[in-house]
Amino acid sequence: MNHGCSTPAPAAAPAAPAPRAAPRPTQLSSVELLRGERLVEIAHNGEIYRLQATRQGKLILTK
């Protein structure tokens, strides 16, 4: 039997903000980097790195 008493519904907790997805890094193709060559040199922080494409289609980055 209902006597007119009701308990109020609990208040909903505020929704947590959705986590932000990390921005996607810039993507470059090896074709753009190598520009038709098998070896390019990359200057970074005063150092020279070499990016080389192998015959098997792999990439090697060396300092």
PDB file of N, CA and C in Angstrom:
ATOM      1  N   MET A   1       0.820  -1.163   0.000  1.00  0.00           N
ATOM      2  CA  MET A   1       0.000   0.000   0.000  1.00  0.00           C
ATOM      3  C   MET A   1       0.873   1.239   0.000  1.00  0.00           C
ATOM      4  N   ASN A   2       0.528   2.232  -0.830  1.00  0.00           N
ATOM      5  CA  ASN A   2       1.319   3.441  -0.961  1.00  0.00           C
ATOM      6  C   ASN A   2       0.642   4.544  -0.177  1.00  0.00           C
ATOM      7  N   HIS A   3       1.370   5.174   0.781  1.00  0.00           N
ATOM      8  CA  HIS A   3       0.820   6.239   1.615  1.00  0.00           C
ATOM      9  C   HIS A   3       1.243   7.609   1.127  1.00  0.00           C
ATOM     10  N   GLY A   4       1.678   7.753  -0.109  1.00  0.00           N
ATOM     11  CA  GLY A   4       2.049   9.054  -0.634  1.00  0.00           C
ATOM     12  C   GLY A   4       3.491   9.439  -0.325  1.00  0.00           C
ATOM     13  N   CYS A   5       4.219   8.605   0.374  1.00  0.00           N
ATOM     14  CA  CYS A   5       5.617   8.898   0.655  1.00  0.00           C
ATOM     15  C   CYS A   5       6.460   8.305  -0.453  1.00  0.00           C
ATOM     16  N   SER A   6       7.323   9.097  -0.964  1.00  0.00           N
ATOM     17  CA  SER A   6       8.251   8.573  -1.962  1.00  0.00           C
ATOM     18  C   SER A   6       9.621   9.132  -1.670  1.00  0.00           C
ATOM     19  N   THR A   7      10.598   8.349  -1.930  1.00  0.00           N
ATOM     20  CA  THR A   7      11.964   8.836  -1.749  1.00  0.00           C
ATOM     21  C   THR A   7      12.421   9.407  -3.066  1.00  0.00           C
ATOM     22  N   PRO A   8      13.076  10.547  -3.004  1.00  0.00           N
ATOM     23  CA  PRO A   8      13.537  11.158  -4.261  1.00  0.00           C
ATOM     24  C   PRO A   8      14.641  10.306  -4.886  1.00  0.00           C
ATOM     25  N   ALA A   9      14.660  10.302  -6.185  1.00  0.00           N
ATOM     26  CA  ALA A   9      15.702   9.572  -6.909  1.00  0.00           C
ATOM     27  C   ALA A   9      17.041  10.242  -6.630  1.00  0.00           C
ATOM     28  N   PRO A  10      18.072   9.440  -6.475  1.00  0.00           N
ATOM     29  CA  PRO A  10      19.383  10.054  -6.236  1.00  0.00           C
ATOM     30  C   PRO A  10      19.788  10.905  -7.434  1.00  0.00           C
ATOM     31  N   ALA A  11      20.468  12.011  -7.156  1.00  0.00           N
ATOM     32  CA  ALA A  11      20.918  12.910  -8.225  1.00  0.00           C
ATOM     33  C   ALA A  11      22.022  12.220  -9.016  1.00  0.00           C
ATOM     34  N   ALA A  12      21.958  12.380 -10.305  1.00  0.00           N
ATOM     35  CA  ALA A  12      22.973  11.778 -11.169  1.00  0.00           C
ATOM     36  C   ALA A  12      24.287  12.530 -10.982  1.00  0.00           C
ATOM     37  N   ALA A  13      25.361  11.781 -10.915  1.00  0.00           N
ATOM     38  CA  ALA A  13      26.687  12.396 -10.806  1.00  0.00           C
ATOM     39  C   ALA A  13      27.007  13.085 -12.121  1.00  0.00           C
ATOM     40  N   PRO A  14      27.711  14.212 -12.061  1.00  0.00           N
ATOM     41  CA  PRO A  14      28.067  14.882 -13.319  1.00  0.00           C
ATOM     42  C   PRO A  14      28.960  13.968 -14.162  1.00  0.00           C
ATOM     43  N   ALA A  15      28.712  13.989 -15.433  1.00  0.00           N
ATOM     44  CA  ALA A  15      29.478  13.138 -16.348  1.00  0.00           C
ATOM     45  C   ALA A  15      30.920  13.625 -16.420  1.00  0.00           C
ATOM     46  N   ALA A  16      31.840  12.685 -16.380  1.00  0.00           N
ATOM     47  CA  ALA A  16      33.260  13.033 -16.535  1.00  0.00           C
ATOM     48  C   ALA A  16      33.512  13.401 -17.989  1.00  0.00           C
ATOM     49  N   PRO A  17      34.379  14.374 -18.215  1.00  0.00           N
ATOM     50  CA  PRO A  17      34.666  14.727 -19.612  1.00  0.00           C
ATOM     51  C   PRO A  17      35.305  13.547 -20.327  1.00  0.00           C
ATOM     52  N   ALA A  18      34.954  13.401 -21.579  1.00  0.00           N
ATOM     53  CA  ALA A  18      35.504  12.302 -22.387  1.00  0.00           C
ATOM     54  C   ALA A  18      37.003  12.527 -22.558  1.00  0.00           C
ATOM     55  N   PRO A  19      37.805  11.467 -22.459  1.00  0.00           N
ATOM     56  CA  PRO A  19      39.247  11.649 -22.650  1.00  0.00           C
ATOM     57  C   PRO A  19      39.529  12.111 -24.072  1.00  0.00           C
ATOM     58  N   ARG A  20      40.458  13.018 -24.185  1.00  0.00           N
ATOM     59  CA  ARG A  20      40.816  13.541 -25.505  1.00  0.00           C
ATOM     60  C   ARG A  20      41.771  12.578 -26.183  1.00  0.00           C
ATOM     61  N   ALA A  21      41.497  12.328 -27.426  1.00  0.00           N
ATOM     62  CA  ALA A  21      42.389  11.478 -28.214  1.00  0.00           C
ATOM     63  C   ALA A  21      43.634  12.292 -28.563  1.00  0.00           C
ATOM     64  N   ALA A  22      44.783  11.660 -28.506  1.00  0.00           N
ATOM     65  CA  ALA A  22      46.022  12.339 -28.876  1.00  0.00           C
ATOM     66  C   ALA A  22      45.971  12.674 -30.361  1.00  0.00           C
ATOM     67  N   PRO A  23      46.470  13.840 -30.733  1.00  0.00           N
ATOM     68  CA  PRO A  23      46.457  14.181 -32.159  1.00  0.00           C
ATOM     69  C   PRO A  23      47.329  13.204 -32.941  1.00  0.00           C
ATOM     70  N   ARG A  24      46.869  12.867 -34.112  1.00  0.00           N
ATOM     71  CA  ARG A  24      47.625  11.930 -34.954  1.00  0.00           C
ATOM     72  C   ARG A  24      48.877  12.630 -35.478  1.00  0.00           C
ATOM     73  N   PRO A  25      50.002  11.939 -35.480  1.00  0.00           N
ATOM     74  CA  PRO A  25      51.226  12.553 -36.014  1.00  0.00           C
ATOM     75  C   PRO A  25      51.135  12.701 -37.532  1.00  0.00           C
ATOM     76  N   THR A  26      51.897  13.618 -38.061  1.00  0.00           N
ATOM     77  CA  THR A  26      51.979  13.784 -39.508  1.00  0.00           C
ATOM     78  C   THR A  26      52.558  12.512 -40.109  1.00  0.00           C
ATOM     79  N   GLN A  27      51.969  12.051 -41.180  1.00  0.00           N
ATOM     80  CA  GLN A  27      52.442  10.831 -41.826  1.00  0.00           C
ATOM     81  C   GLN A  27      53.012  11.180 -43.191  1.00  0.00           C
ATOM     82  N   LEU A  28      54.237  10.736 -43.432  1.00  0.00           N
ATOM     83  CA  LEU A  28      54.888  10.925 -44.726  1.00  0.00           C
ATOM     84  C   LEU A  28      55.189   9.551 -45.308  1.00  0.00           C
ATOM     85  N   SER A  29      55.049   9.410 -46.598  1.00  0.00           N
ATOM     86  CA  SER A  29      55.401   8.129 -47.233  1.00  0.00           C
ATOM     87  C   SER A  29      56.905   8.091 -47.458  1.00  0.00           C
ATOM     88  N   SER A  30      57.439   6.882 -47.538  1.00  0.00           N
ATOM     89  CA  SER A  30      58.869   6.734 -47.812  1.00  0.00           C
ATOM     90  C   SER A  30      59.207   7.308 -49.191  1.00  0.00           C
ATOM     91  N   VAL A  31      58.252   7.274 -50.098  1.00  0.00           N
ATOM     92  CA  VAL A  31      58.475   7.849 -51.440  1.00  0.00           C
ATOM     93  C   VAL A  31      58.740   9.352 -51.312  1.00  0.00           C
ATOM     94  N   GLU A  32      57.963  10.023 -50.436  1.00  0.00           N
ATOM     95  CA  GLU A  32      58.172  11.459 -50.216  1.00  0.00           C
ATOM     96  C   GLU A  32      59.536  11.726 -49.586  1.00  0.00           C
ATOM     97  N   LEU A  33      59.918  10.882 -48.628  1.00  0.00           N
ATOM     98  CA  LEU A  33      61.186  11.089 -47.931  1.00  0.00           C
ATOM     99  C   LEU A  33      62.392  10.798 -48.817  1.00  0.00           C
ATOM    100  N   LEU A  34      62.336   9.709 -49.550  1.00  0.00           N
ATOM    101  CA  LEU A  34      63.491   9.280 -50.341  1.00  0.00           C
ATOM    102  C   LEU A  34      63.571   9.954 -51.703  1.00  0.00           C
ATOM    103  N   ARG A  35      62.457  10.426 -52.230  1.00  0.00           N
ATOM    104  CA  ARG A  35      62.417  11.152 -53.512  1.00  0.00           C
ATOM    105  C   ARG A  35      63.150  10.416 -54.627  1.00  0.00           C
ATOM    106  N   GLY A  36      62.905   9.100 -54.733  1.00  0.00           N
ATOM    107  CA  GLY A  36      63.507   8.317 -55.806  1.00  0.00           C
ATOM    108  C   GLY A  36      64.916   7.828 -55.514  1.00  0.00           C
ATOM    109  N   GLU A  37      65.491   8.218 -54.403  1.00  0.00           N
ATOM    110  CA  GLU A  37      66.836   7.781 -54.018  1.00  0.00           C
ATOM    111  C   GLU A  37      66.728   6.590 -53.080  1.00  0.00           C
ATOM    112  N   ARG A  38      67.824   5.871 -52.908  1.00  0.00           N
ATOM    113  CA  ARG A  38      67.834   4.782 -51.922  1.00  0.00           C
ATOM    114  C   ARG A  38      68.395   5.247 -50.593  1.00  0.00           C
ATOM    115  N   LEU A  39      69.021   6.430 -50.566  1.00  0.00           N
ATOM    116  CA  LEU A  39      69.667   6.938 -49.359  1.00  0.00           C
ATOM    117  C   LEU A  39      69.470   8.446 -49.277  1.00  0.00           C
ATOM    118  N   VAL A  40      69.027   8.916 -48.127  1.00  0.00           N
ATOM    119  CA  VAL A  40      68.948  10.354 -47.879  1.00  0.00           C
ATOM    120  C   VAL A  40      69.580  10.631 -46.523  1.00  0.00           C
ATOM    121  N   GLU A  41      70.108  11.827 -46.378  1.00  0.00           N
ATOM    122  CA  GLU A  41      70.651  12.256 -45.097  1.00  0.00           C
ATOM    123  C   GLU A  41      69.673  13.234 -44.465  1.00  0.00           C
ATOM    124  N   ILE A  42      69.504  13.079 -43.156  1.00  0.00           N
ATOM    125  CA  ILE A  42      68.572  13.909 -42.400  1.00  0.00           C
ATOM    126  C   ILE A  42      69.358  14.632 -41.315  1.00  0.00           C
ATOM    127  N   ALA A  43      69.334  15.974 -41.315  1.00  0.00           N
ATOM    128  CA  ALA A  43      69.987  16.759 -40.274  1.00  0.00           C
ATOM    129  C   ALA A  43      68.999  16.926 -39.125  1.00  0.00           C
ATOM    130  N   HIS A  44      69.448  16.567 -37.913  1.00  0.00           N
ATOM    131  CA  HIS A  44      68.590  16.666 -36.731  1.00  0.00           C
ATOM    132  C   HIS A  44      69.445  17.020 -35.514  1.00  0.00           C
ATOM    133  N   ASN A  45      69.137  18.141 -34.892  1.00  0.00           N
ATOM    134  CA  ASN A  45      69.858  18.597 -33.685  1.00  0.00           C
ATOM    135  C   ASN A  45      71.371  18.588 -33.870  1.00  0.00           C
ATOM    136  N   GLY A  46      71.825  19.071 -35.007  1.00  0.00           N
ATOM    137  CA  GLY A  46      73.260  19.162 -35.258  1.00  0.00           C
ATOM    138  C   GLY A  46      73.920  17.850 -35.643  1.00  0.00           C
ATOM    139  N   GLU A  47      73.165  16.798 -35.802  1.00  0.00           N
ATOM    140  CA  GLU A  47      73.689  15.491 -36.187  1.00  0.00           C
ATOM    141  C   GLU A  47      73.135  15.117 -37.561  1.00  0.00           C
ATOM    142  N   ILE A  48      73.856  14.254 -38.267  1.00  0.00           N
ATOM    143  CA  ILE A  48      73.408  13.762 -39.565  1.00  0.00           C
ATOM    144  C   ILE A  48      73.009  12.300 -39.419  1.00  0.00           C
ATOM    145  N   TYR A  49      71.809  11.984 -39.844  1.00  0.00           N
ATOM    146  CA  TYR A  49      71.301  10.608 -39.853  1.00  0.00           C
ATOM    147  C   TYR A  49      71.130  10.189 -41.291  1.00  0.00           C
ATOM    148  N   ARG A  50      71.253   8.902 -41.550  1.00  0.00           N
ATOM    149  CA  ARG A  50      71.079   8.363 -42.899  1.00  0.00           C
ATOM    150  C   ARG A  50      69.868   7.437 -42.910  1.00  0.00           C
ATOM    151  N   LEU A  51      68.952   7.680 -43.825  1.00  0.00           N
ATOM    152  CA  LEU A  51      67.789   6.822 -44.022  1.00  0.00           C
ATOM    153  C   LEU A  51      68.002   6.086 -45.335  1.00  0.00           C
ATOM    154  N   GLN A  52      68.031   4.761 -45.245  1.00  0.00           N
ATOM    155  CA  GLN A  52      68.349   3.946 -46.418  1.00  0.00           C
ATOM    156  C   GLN A  52      67.266   2.906 -46.646  1.00  0.00           C
ATOM    157  N   ALA A  53      66.868   2.740 -47.912  1.00  0.00           N
ATOM    158  CA  ALA A  53      65.936   1.680 -48.308  1.00  0.00           C
ATOM    159  C   ALA A  53      66.756   0.480 -48.747  1.00  0.00           C
ATOM    160  N   THR A  54      66.423  -0.699 -48.230  1.00  0.00           N
ATOM    161  CA  THR A  54      67.137  -1.920 -48.614  1.00  0.00           C
ATOM    162  C   THR A  54      66.480  -2.545 -49.841  1.00  0.00           C
ATOM    163  N   ARG A  55      67.140  -3.527 -50.422  1.00  0.00           N
ATOM    164  CA  ARG A  55      66.565  -4.237 -51.572  1.00  0.00           C
ATOM    165  C   ARG A  55      65.293  -4.987 -51.189  1.00  0.00           C
ATOM    166  N   GLN A  56      65.189  -5.382 -49.933  1.00  0.00           N
ATOM    167  CA  GLN A  56      64.014  -6.116 -49.460  1.00  0.00           C
ATOM    168  C   GLN A  56      62.851  -5.185 -49.096  1.00  0.00           C
ATOM    169  N   GLY A  57      63.027  -3.865 -49.304  1.00  0.00           N
ATOM    170  CA  GLY A  57      61.956  -2.927 -49.022  1.00  0.00           C
ATOM    171  C   GLY A  57      61.882  -2.464 -47.581  1.00  0.00           C
ATOM    172  N   LYS A  58      62.922  -2.727 -46.797  1.00  0.00           N
ATOM    173  CA  LYS A  58      62.978  -2.268 -45.409  1.00  0.00           C
ATOM    174  C   LYS A  58      63.656  -0.915 -45.370  1.00  0.00           C
ATOM    175  N   LEU A  59      63.476  -0.201 -44.243  1.00  0.00           N
ATOM    176  CA  LEU A  59      64.159   1.070 -44.034  1.00  0.00           C
ATOM    177  C   LEU A  59      65.128   0.934 -42.871  1.00  0.00           C
ATOM    178  N   ILE A  60      66.294   1.543 -43.017  1.00  0.00           N
ATOM    179  CA  ILE A  60      67.295   1.555 -41.961  1.00  0.00           C
ATOM    180  C   ILE A  60      67.655   3.013 -41.692  1.00  0.00           C
ATOM    181  N   LEU A  61      67.592   3.403 -40.405  1.00  0.00           N
ATOM    182  CA  LEU A  61      67.985   4.750 -39.985  1.00  0.00           C
ATOM    183  C   LEU A  61      69.233   4.607 -39.116  1.00  0.00           C
ATOM    184  N   THR A  62      70.324   5.240 -39.543  1.00  0.00           N
ATOM    185  CA  THR A  62      71.578   5.171 -38.784  1.00  0.00           C
ATOM    186  C   THR A  62      72.107   6.566 -38.516  1.00  0.00           C
ATOM    187  N   LYS A  63      72.921   6.661 -37.498  1.00  0.00           N
ATOM    188  CA  LYS A  63      73.531   7.942 -37.129  1.00  0.00           C
ATOM    189  C   LYS A  63      74.943   7.978 -37.661  1.00  0.00           C
TER     190      LYS A  63
END
